[in-house]
N, C-alpha and C. Protein backbone atom coordinates (compact mmCIF):
# COMPACT_ATOMS: atom_id res chain seq x y z
N MET A 1 -93.04 -8.56 -20.79
CA MET A 1 -94.11 -9.43 -21.34
C MET A 1 -93.50 -9.77 -22.57
N CYS A 2 -93.68 -11.05 -22.90
CA CYS A 2 -93.17 -11.65 -24.32
C CYS A 2 -94.33 -11.07 -25.11
N GLU A 3 -93.81 -11.09 -26.39
CA GLU A 3 -94.56 -10.63 -27.74
C GLU A 3 -95.85 -11.65 -27.92
N CYS A 4 -95.77 -12.79 -27.40
CA CYS A 4 -96.96 -13.81 -27.43
C CYS A 4 -97.94 -13.44 -26.61
N GLU A 5 -97.74 -12.49 -25.53
CA GLU A 5 -98.71 -12.19 -24.54
C GLU A 5 -99.35 -13.19 -23.61
N ARG A 6 -98.35 -14.25 -23.65
CA ARG A 6 -99.07 -15.42 -22.72
C ARG A 6 -97.85 -15.42 -21.47
N GLY A 7 -97.09 -14.82 -21.17
CA GLY A 7 -96.05 -14.81 -20.02
C GLY A 7 -95.05 -13.77 -20.32
N GLU A 8 -94.16 -13.72 -19.15
CA GLU A 8 -93.25 -13.02 -19.08
C GLU A 8 -92.08 -13.33 -20.11
N GLU A 9 -91.33 -12.89 -20.69
CA GLU A 9 -90.27 -13.27 -21.60
C GLU A 9 -88.87 -13.65 -20.77
N THR A 10 -89.05 -14.74 -20.30
CA THR A 10 -87.90 -15.38 -19.58
C THR A 10 -87.13 -16.48 -20.37
N ILE A 11 -86.07 -16.88 -19.89
CA ILE A 11 -85.33 -18.00 -20.63
C ILE A 11 -86.29 -19.26 -20.52
N ARG A 12 -86.86 -19.67 -19.33
CA ARG A 12 -87.78 -20.69 -19.26
C ARG A 12 -88.91 -20.66 -20.45
N HIS A 13 -89.48 -19.34 -20.32
CA HIS A 13 -90.67 -19.29 -21.21
C HIS A 13 -90.27 -19.47 -22.78
N VAL A 14 -89.10 -18.97 -23.23
CA VAL A 14 -88.82 -18.98 -24.48
C VAL A 14 -88.57 -20.31 -24.94
N ILE A 15 -87.69 -21.00 -23.99
CA ILE A 15 -87.38 -22.44 -24.35
C ILE A 15 -88.39 -23.45 -24.29
N LEU A 16 -89.24 -23.27 -23.29
CA LEU A 16 -90.22 -24.35 -23.09
C LEU A 16 -91.63 -24.17 -23.57
N SER A 17 -92.09 -22.88 -23.55
CA SER A 17 -93.60 -22.81 -23.82
C SER A 17 -94.08 -21.70 -24.82
N CYS A 18 -93.11 -20.74 -25.26
CA CYS A 18 -93.58 -19.48 -26.03
C CYS A 18 -94.25 -20.30 -27.28
N VAL A 19 -95.36 -19.88 -27.62
CA VAL A 19 -96.33 -20.40 -28.70
C VAL A 19 -95.51 -19.90 -30.06
N ARG A 20 -95.11 -18.87 -29.88
CA ARG A 20 -94.32 -18.32 -31.08
C ARG A 20 -93.08 -19.25 -31.76
N TRP A 21 -92.61 -20.01 -30.90
CA TRP A 21 -91.36 -20.97 -31.27
C TRP A 21 -91.83 -22.32 -31.35
N ALA A 22 -92.93 -22.69 -31.34
CA ALA A 22 -93.46 -24.17 -31.32
C ALA A 22 -92.76 -25.09 -32.40
N GLU A 23 -92.70 -24.58 -33.61
CA GLU A 23 -91.92 -25.27 -34.71
C GLU A 23 -90.57 -25.48 -34.52
N GLU A 24 -89.88 -24.27 -34.07
CA GLU A 24 -88.51 -24.34 -33.95
C GLU A 24 -88.16 -25.39 -32.59
N ARG A 25 -88.97 -25.43 -31.76
CA ARG A 25 -88.60 -26.24 -30.74
C ARG A 25 -88.60 -27.57 -30.89
N ARG A 26 -89.37 -28.33 -31.91
CA ARG A 26 -89.58 -29.63 -32.26
C ARG A 26 -88.24 -30.56 -32.16
N GLU A 27 -87.10 -29.97 -32.89
CA GLU A 27 -85.83 -30.63 -32.88
C GLU A 27 -85.42 -30.79 -31.34
N LEU A 28 -85.52 -29.87 -30.67
CA LEU A 28 -85.15 -29.86 -29.26
C LEU A 28 -86.04 -30.80 -28.40
N GLN A 29 -87.00 -30.96 -28.67
CA GLN A 29 -88.02 -31.99 -27.89
C GLN A 29 -87.67 -33.30 -28.36
N VAL A 30 -87.35 -33.57 -29.50
CA VAL A 30 -86.65 -34.88 -30.02
C VAL A 30 -85.53 -35.33 -29.50
N VAL A 31 -84.49 -34.51 -29.63
CA VAL A 31 -83.24 -34.72 -29.00
C VAL A 31 -83.35 -34.91 -27.61
N ALA A 32 -84.03 -34.04 -26.82
CA ALA A 32 -83.69 -34.27 -25.19
C ALA A 32 -84.74 -35.21 -24.74
N LYS A 33 -85.61 -35.62 -25.28
CA LYS A 33 -86.54 -36.58 -24.95
C LYS A 33 -87.36 -36.47 -23.77
N GLU A 34 -87.40 -37.31 -22.78
CA GLU A 34 -87.96 -37.00 -21.40
C GLU A 34 -87.40 -35.90 -20.72
N ARG A 35 -86.43 -35.38 -21.01
CA ARG A 35 -85.58 -34.21 -20.44
C ARG A 35 -86.00 -32.75 -21.04
N ALA A 36 -86.82 -32.91 -22.16
CA ALA A 36 -87.09 -31.57 -22.73
C ALA A 36 -87.76 -30.40 -22.01
N GLY A 37 -88.22 -30.92 -20.75
CA GLY A 37 -88.85 -29.59 -19.81
C GLY A 37 -87.89 -29.33 -18.70
N ASP A 38 -86.68 -29.68 -18.93
CA ASP A 38 -85.67 -29.47 -17.88
C ASP A 38 -84.68 -28.36 -18.44
N VAL A 39 -84.79 -27.15 -18.17
CA VAL A 39 -84.08 -25.92 -18.63
C VAL A 39 -82.65 -26.15 -18.20
N SER A 40 -82.31 -26.69 -17.18
CA SER A 40 -80.94 -26.76 -16.57
C SER A 40 -80.24 -27.94 -17.48
N PHE A 41 -80.92 -28.92 -17.84
CA PHE A 41 -80.37 -30.00 -18.78
C PHE A 41 -80.10 -29.52 -20.17
N LEU A 42 -81.01 -28.62 -20.66
CA LEU A 42 -81.06 -28.17 -22.08
C LEU A 42 -79.74 -27.17 -22.41
N LEU A 43 -79.56 -26.57 -21.08
CA LEU A 43 -78.30 -25.51 -21.20
C LEU A 43 -77.03 -26.19 -20.75
N GLY A 44 -77.00 -27.36 -20.33
CA GLY A 44 -76.02 -28.14 -20.03
C GLY A 44 -75.35 -27.70 -18.43
N TRP A 45 -76.36 -27.04 -17.55
CA TRP A 45 -76.11 -26.87 -16.31
C TRP A 45 -76.44 -28.09 -15.27
N TRP A 46 -76.03 -27.96 -14.18
CA TRP A 46 -76.19 -28.92 -13.24
C TRP A 46 -77.42 -28.35 -12.34
N GLY A 47 -78.43 -29.09 -12.08
CA GLY A 47 -79.62 -28.78 -11.41
C GLY A 47 -79.94 -29.54 -10.16
N LYS A 48 -80.71 -29.04 -9.28
CA LYS A 48 -81.04 -29.85 -8.12
C LYS A 48 -82.37 -30.54 -8.10
N LYS A 49 -82.90 -30.84 -9.59
CA LYS A 49 -84.23 -31.38 -9.75
C LYS A 49 -83.92 -32.90 -9.20
N GLN A 50 -84.84 -33.51 -8.54
CA GLN A 50 -84.89 -34.66 -8.08
C GLN A 50 -85.91 -35.75 -8.79
N ASP A 51 -85.65 -36.99 -8.91
CA ASP A 51 -86.67 -37.90 -9.39
C ASP A 51 -87.54 -38.32 -8.18
N GLY A 52 -88.47 -39.21 -8.61
CA GLY A 52 -89.67 -39.54 -7.36
C GLY A 52 -89.08 -40.23 -6.43
N LYS A 53 -87.72 -40.84 -6.28
CA LYS A 53 -87.10 -41.46 -5.07
C LYS A 53 -86.32 -40.41 -4.27
N GLY A 54 -86.23 -39.07 -4.73
CA GLY A 54 -85.47 -38.02 -3.78
C GLY A 54 -83.95 -38.15 -4.47
N ARG A 55 -83.64 -38.77 -5.62
CA ARG A 55 -82.23 -38.70 -6.12
C ARG A 55 -82.13 -37.65 -7.11
N LEU A 56 -81.08 -37.09 -7.21
CA LEU A 56 -80.66 -36.04 -8.05
C LEU A 56 -80.71 -36.60 -9.47
N VAL A 57 -81.44 -35.93 -10.34
CA VAL A 57 -81.74 -36.33 -11.56
C VAL A 57 -80.20 -36.02 -12.32
N ASN A 58 -79.61 -34.99 -12.11
CA ASN A 58 -78.39 -34.93 -12.89
C ASN A 58 -77.07 -35.61 -12.11
N GLY A 59 -77.30 -36.27 -11.03
CA GLY A 59 -76.34 -36.91 -10.20
C GLY A 59 -75.53 -35.90 -9.51
N PRO A 60 -74.48 -36.25 -8.93
CA PRO A 60 -73.77 -35.38 -7.89
C PRO A 60 -72.99 -34.27 -8.86
N LYS A 61 -72.91 -32.98 -8.36
CA LYS A 61 -72.39 -31.93 -9.10
C LYS A 61 -70.95 -32.02 -9.65
N GLU A 62 -70.32 -32.71 -8.96
CA GLU A 62 -68.85 -32.97 -9.12
C GLU A 62 -68.62 -33.97 -10.35
N LYS A 63 -69.59 -34.71 -10.70
CA LYS A 63 -69.63 -35.71 -11.81
C LYS A 63 -70.44 -35.25 -13.15
N ARG A 64 -71.00 -34.21 -12.90
CA ARG A 64 -71.91 -33.95 -14.08
C ARG A 64 -71.30 -33.51 -15.19
N ARG A 65 -71.77 -33.95 -16.28
CA ARG A 65 -71.10 -33.71 -17.68
C ARG A 65 -72.29 -33.38 -18.63
N PRO A 66 -72.39 -32.18 -19.12
CA PRO A 66 -73.50 -31.91 -20.03
C PRO A 66 -73.73 -32.96 -21.37
N ASP A 67 -74.82 -33.00 -21.85
CA ASP A 67 -75.12 -33.68 -22.88
C ASP A 67 -74.86 -32.68 -24.11
N LEU A 68 -73.66 -32.75 -24.72
CA LEU A 68 -73.36 -31.62 -25.74
C LEU A 68 -74.10 -31.49 -26.86
N GLU A 69 -74.84 -32.69 -27.33
CA GLU A 69 -75.46 -32.67 -28.48
C GLU A 69 -76.82 -32.06 -28.07
N VAL A 70 -77.34 -32.27 -26.86
CA VAL A 70 -78.59 -31.27 -26.52
C VAL A 70 -78.16 -29.87 -26.24
N VAL A 71 -77.06 -29.49 -25.72
CA VAL A 71 -76.75 -28.18 -25.69
C VAL A 71 -76.51 -27.56 -27.02
N LYS A 72 -75.96 -28.20 -28.08
CA LYS A 72 -76.03 -27.66 -29.22
C LYS A 72 -77.33 -27.36 -29.91
N VAL A 73 -78.13 -28.26 -29.86
CA VAL A 73 -79.58 -28.09 -30.41
C VAL A 73 -80.18 -27.00 -29.57
N THR A 74 -80.12 -26.80 -28.42
CA THR A 74 -80.68 -25.56 -27.72
C THR A 74 -80.13 -24.49 -28.25
N ILE A 75 -78.72 -24.35 -28.31
CA ILE A 75 -78.23 -23.18 -28.88
C ILE A 75 -78.74 -22.77 -30.53
N ARG A 76 -78.89 -23.69 -31.15
CA ARG A 76 -79.52 -23.71 -32.50
C ARG A 76 -80.97 -23.19 -32.18
N PHE A 77 -81.73 -23.60 -31.44
CA PHE A 77 -83.02 -23.16 -31.34
C PHE A 77 -83.06 -21.83 -30.90
N LEU A 78 -82.19 -21.49 -29.94
CA LEU A 78 -82.18 -20.02 -29.59
C LEU A 78 -81.57 -19.02 -30.70
N GLU A 79 -80.80 -19.47 -31.71
CA GLU A 79 -80.13 -18.78 -32.75
C GLU A 79 -81.40 -18.62 -33.69
N GLN A 80 -82.41 -19.49 -33.92
CA GLN A 80 -83.45 -19.46 -34.62
C GLN A 80 -84.55 -18.49 -34.16
N THR A 81 -84.67 -18.36 -32.83
CA THR A 81 -85.51 -17.30 -32.09
C THR A 81 -84.90 -15.87 -32.31
N ARG A 82 -83.73 -15.92 -32.54
CA ARG A 82 -82.99 -14.65 -32.42
C ARG A 82 -82.88 -13.97 -31.24
N LYS A 83 -82.97 -14.80 -30.06
CA LYS A 83 -82.88 -14.36 -28.71
C LYS A 83 -81.25 -14.14 -28.16
N LEU A 84 -80.39 -14.84 -29.00
CA LEU A 84 -79.02 -14.56 -28.62
C LEU A 84 -78.38 -13.34 -29.45
N ASP A 85 -79.36 -12.59 -30.29
CA ASP A 85 -78.87 -11.47 -31.06
C ASP A 85 -78.64 -10.19 -30.09
N TYR A 86 -77.56 -9.54 -30.19
CA TYR A 86 -77.32 -8.48 -29.51
C TYR A 86 -78.12 -7.34 -29.83
N ARG A 87 -78.92 -6.69 -28.81
CA ARG A 87 -79.75 -5.54 -29.33
C ARG A 87 -79.20 -4.22 -28.75
């Protein structure tokens, strides 16, 4: 359980919804724009998410290139939460 007591402490919860990190999340939301809720995109992964017409949002896996600016901001966000620290 996350310290915020509003959900399990998963990658998805920390990056997208934990209330403890709302302020730190703002830059991430600005940079990622409409894709701010897509964990695969934020981490530079390829995902199977589809748009309303059934097309892959990230395009074909073999042509996928991460948005490095978004990945850097995501890493900076996780550093601020101290979730990347070794315990």
